[in-house]
Amino acid sequence: MAVRDEWAISCRDLAGRKRELTVFVSSERVVLVAPPGEAAVLAPLDVGRLRAALRDAVVQVARSGEDPETEDE
């Protein structure tokens, strides 16, 4: 099973322009990157996608702590 290490979630800024939130794992931490200098406005479906990406990232962090060999993948 392939391990995903980055997730992109569609959003819009306050002006309505398309943007992305990015979630990734780094050094056993979950990192959330918002559009630079912007607020992210999420539709209900995109909130669900963000929730799922955060959950998957936390699961990946937990797994990497259990099995040191998965850190290099």
N, C-alpha and C. Protein backbone atom coordinates (compact mmCIF):
# COMPACT_ATOMS: atom_id res chain seq x y z
N MET A 1 0.84 -1.18 0.00
CA MET A 1 0.00 0.00 0.00
C MET A 1 0.89 1.25 0.00
N ALA A 2 0.66 2.15 -0.94
CA ALA A 2 1.45 3.38 -1.04
C ALA A 2 1.06 4.35 0.08
N VAL A 3 2.07 4.99 0.63
CA VAL A 3 1.84 5.97 1.69
C VAL A 3 1.80 7.36 1.06
N ARG A 4 0.72 8.05 1.28
CA ARG A 4 0.62 9.43 0.81
C ARG A 4 1.31 10.33 1.81
N ASP A 5 2.06 11.29 1.33
CA ASP A 5 2.73 12.19 2.26
C ASP A 5 2.32 13.64 2.07
N GLU A 6 1.39 13.90 1.15
CA GLU A 6 0.91 15.25 0.93
C GLU A 6 -0.52 15.22 0.40
N TRP A 7 -1.35 16.13 0.91
CA TRP A 7 -2.74 16.23 0.50
C TRP A 7 -3.02 17.68 0.15
N ALA A 8 -3.79 17.93 -0.90
CA ALA A 8 -4.18 19.29 -1.29
C ALA A 8 -5.70 19.40 -1.21
N ILE A 9 -6.17 20.46 -0.58
CA ILE A 9 -7.59 20.68 -0.39
C ILE A 9 -7.94 22.02 -1.04
N SER A 10 -8.91 21.99 -1.95
CA SER A 10 -9.34 23.21 -2.62
C SER A 10 -10.02 24.15 -1.64
N CYS A 11 -9.79 25.44 -1.86
CA CYS A 11 -10.48 26.46 -1.09
C CYS A 11 -10.51 27.73 -1.93
N ARG A 12 -11.02 28.78 -1.36
CA ARG A 12 -11.01 30.10 -2.00
C ARG A 12 -10.52 31.11 -0.97
N ASP A 13 -9.97 32.20 -1.46
CA ASP A 13 -9.60 33.26 -0.54
C ASP A 13 -10.82 34.16 -0.34
N LEU A 14 -10.66 35.21 0.45
CA LEU A 14 -11.80 36.09 0.74
C LEU A 14 -12.31 36.83 -0.49
N ALA A 15 -11.46 36.96 -1.52
CA ALA A 15 -11.87 37.60 -2.77
C ALA A 15 -12.51 36.61 -3.74
N GLY A 16 -12.59 35.34 -3.34
CA GLY A 16 -13.22 34.32 -4.19
C GLY A 16 -12.29 33.63 -5.16
N ARG A 17 -11.00 33.92 -5.10
CA ARG A 17 -10.04 33.27 -6.01
C ARG A 17 -9.73 31.86 -5.52
N LYS A 18 -9.54 30.94 -6.47
CA LYS A 18 -9.21 29.56 -6.13
C LYS A 18 -7.83 29.48 -5.50
N ARG A 19 -7.74 28.75 -4.40
CA ARG A 19 -6.50 28.53 -3.67
C ARG A 19 -6.47 27.08 -3.19
N GLU A 20 -5.40 26.70 -2.50
CA GLU A 20 -5.28 25.35 -1.93
C GLU A 20 -4.70 25.42 -0.54
N LEU A 21 -5.19 24.54 0.32
CA LEU A 21 -4.55 24.25 1.60
C LEU A 21 -3.75 22.98 1.37
N THR A 22 -2.59 22.89 1.94
CA THR A 22 -1.78 21.69 1.80
C THR A 22 -1.51 21.11 3.18
N VAL A 23 -1.64 19.79 3.28
CA VAL A 23 -1.33 19.08 4.51
C VAL A 23 -0.22 18.09 4.18
N PHE A 24 0.83 18.07 5.01
CA PHE A 24 1.86 17.06 4.82
C PHE A 24 2.49 16.69 6.15
N VAL A 25 3.28 15.63 6.14
CA VAL A 25 3.95 15.13 7.34
C VAL A 25 5.42 15.45 7.23
N SER A 26 5.99 16.00 8.32
CA SER A 26 7.41 16.32 8.36
C SER A 26 7.92 16.08 9.78
N SER A 27 8.93 15.25 9.89
CA SER A 27 9.54 14.96 11.20
C SER A 27 8.50 14.59 12.25
N GLU A 28 7.64 13.68 11.88
CA GLU A 28 6.59 13.16 12.77
C GLU A 28 5.65 14.25 13.27
N ARG A 29 5.43 15.27 12.45
CA ARG A 29 4.48 16.34 12.75
C ARG A 29 3.58 16.53 11.53
N VAL A 30 2.36 16.97 11.78
CA VAL A 30 1.43 17.29 10.70
C VAL A 30 1.56 18.79 10.42
N VAL A 31 1.78 19.13 9.15
CA VAL A 31 1.97 20.52 8.75
C VAL A 31 0.80 20.95 7.86
N LEU A 32 0.20 22.08 8.18
CA LEU A 32 -0.89 22.65 7.40
C LEU A 32 -0.39 23.96 6.80
N VAL A 33 -0.37 24.04 5.47
CA VAL A 33 0.10 25.24 4.78
C VAL A 33 -1.10 25.92 4.13
N ALA A 34 -1.34 27.15 4.56
CA ALA A 34 -2.45 27.93 4.01
C ALA A 34 -1.94 28.79 2.85
N PRO A 35 -2.86 29.31 2.05
CA PRO A 35 -2.43 30.22 0.98
C PRO A 35 -1.67 31.39 1.60
N PRO A 36 -0.56 31.81 1.01
CA PRO A 36 0.26 32.87 1.60
C PRO A 36 -0.52 34.17 1.79
N GLY A 37 -0.52 34.65 3.02
CA GLY A 37 -1.15 35.92 3.32
C GLY A 37 -2.66 35.94 3.16
N GLU A 38 -3.29 34.80 3.10
CA GLU A 38 -4.71 34.73 2.83
C GLU A 38 -5.46 33.97 3.92
N ALA A 39 -6.75 34.15 3.95
CA ALA A 39 -7.64 33.30 4.73
C ALA A 39 -8.20 32.26 3.78
N ALA A 40 -8.38 31.05 4.25
CA ALA A 40 -8.94 29.99 3.42
C ALA A 40 -10.43 29.87 3.71
N VAL A 41 -11.25 29.97 2.68
CA VAL A 41 -12.70 29.83 2.80
C VAL A 41 -13.07 28.47 2.22
N LEU A 42 -13.62 27.60 3.06
CA LEU A 42 -13.90 26.23 2.66
C LEU A 42 -15.40 25.98 2.52
N ALA A 43 -15.76 25.27 1.46
CA ALA A 43 -17.13 24.78 1.31
C ALA A 43 -17.28 23.57 2.22
N PRO A 44 -18.50 23.21 2.58
CA PRO A 44 -18.69 22.06 3.48
C PRO A 44 -17.99 20.78 3.01
N LEU A 45 -18.03 20.48 1.74
CA LEU A 45 -17.36 19.28 1.22
C LEU A 45 -15.85 19.38 1.41
N ASP A 46 -15.30 20.57 1.21
CA ASP A 46 -13.86 20.76 1.38
C ASP A 46 -13.44 20.66 2.84
N VAL A 47 -14.32 21.05 3.75
CA VAL A 47 -14.03 20.86 5.18
C VAL A 47 -13.90 19.37 5.47
N GLY A 48 -14.76 18.56 4.87
CA GLY A 48 -14.66 17.11 5.03
C GLY A 48 -13.35 16.57 4.47
N ARG A 49 -12.92 17.12 3.34
CA ARG A 49 -11.64 16.69 2.74
C ARG A 49 -10.47 17.09 3.63
N LEU A 50 -10.53 18.29 4.20
CA LEU A 50 -9.48 18.72 5.12
C LEU A 50 -9.44 17.81 6.34
N ARG A 51 -10.58 17.50 6.88
CA ARG A 51 -10.66 16.59 8.04
C ARG A 51 -10.04 15.24 7.71
N ALA A 52 -10.38 14.70 6.53
CA ALA A 52 -9.85 13.40 6.12
C ALA A 52 -8.33 13.47 5.92
N ALA A 53 -7.84 14.55 5.32
CA ALA A 53 -6.39 14.69 5.11
C ALA A 53 -5.66 14.78 6.44
N LEU A 54 -6.20 15.55 7.38
CA LEU A 54 -5.58 15.65 8.69
C LEU A 54 -5.59 14.31 9.41
N ARG A 55 -6.69 13.59 9.32
CA ARG A 55 -6.77 12.26 9.94
C ARG A 55 -5.73 11.33 9.34
N ASP A 56 -5.63 11.30 8.01
CA ASP A 56 -4.67 10.43 7.34
C ASP A 56 -3.23 10.79 7.71
N ALA A 57 -2.95 12.08 7.82
CA ALA A 57 -1.61 12.52 8.19
C ALA A 57 -1.27 12.09 9.62
N VAL A 58 -2.23 12.21 10.53
CA VAL A 58 -1.99 11.79 11.91
C VAL A 58 -1.76 10.29 11.98
N VAL A 59 -2.52 9.52 11.22
CA VAL A 59 -2.33 8.07 11.18
C VAL A 59 -0.93 7.75 10.66
N GLN A 60 -0.49 8.47 9.62
CA GLN A 60 0.85 8.24 9.07
C GLN A 60 1.92 8.55 10.11
N VAL A 61 1.76 9.64 10.85
CA VAL A 61 2.73 9.98 11.90
C VAL A 61 2.77 8.89 12.95
N ALA A 62 1.61 8.40 13.35
CA ALA A 62 1.55 7.34 14.36
C ALA A 62 2.24 6.08 13.86
N ARG A 63 2.03 5.74 12.62
CA ARG A 63 2.66 4.54 12.05
C ARG A 63 4.17 4.69 11.96
N SER A 64 4.64 5.88 11.60
CA SER A 64 6.09 6.07 11.47
C SER A 64 6.78 5.96 12.82
N GLY A 65 6.06 6.30 13.88
CA GLY A 65 6.62 6.15 15.21
C GLY A 65 6.70 4.72 15.65
N GLU A 66 5.84 3.86 15.11
CA GLU A 66 5.83 2.44 15.47
C GLU A 66 6.88 1.65 14.71
N ASP A 67 7.14 2.00 13.44
CA ASP A 67 8.02 1.23 12.58
C ASP A 67 9.06 2.16 11.96
N PRO A 68 10.28 2.20 12.49
CA PRO A 68 11.30 3.13 12.00
C PRO A 68 11.62 2.97 10.52
N GLU A 69 11.39 1.80 9.92
CA GLU A 69 11.70 1.60 8.51
C GLU A 69 10.80 2.42 7.60
N THR A 70 9.59 2.79 8.04
CA THR A 70 8.66 3.53 7.18
C THR A 70 9.03 4.98 7.06
N GLU A 71 9.94 5.51 7.87
CA GLU A 71 10.30 6.92 7.81
C GLU A 71 10.99 7.29 6.51
N ASP A 72 11.69 6.35 5.89
CA ASP A 72 12.42 6.63 4.65
C ASP A 72 11.57 6.48 3.42
N GLU A 73 10.35 6.02 3.53
CA GLU A 73 9.51 5.78 2.35
C GLU A 73 8.90 7.04 1.83
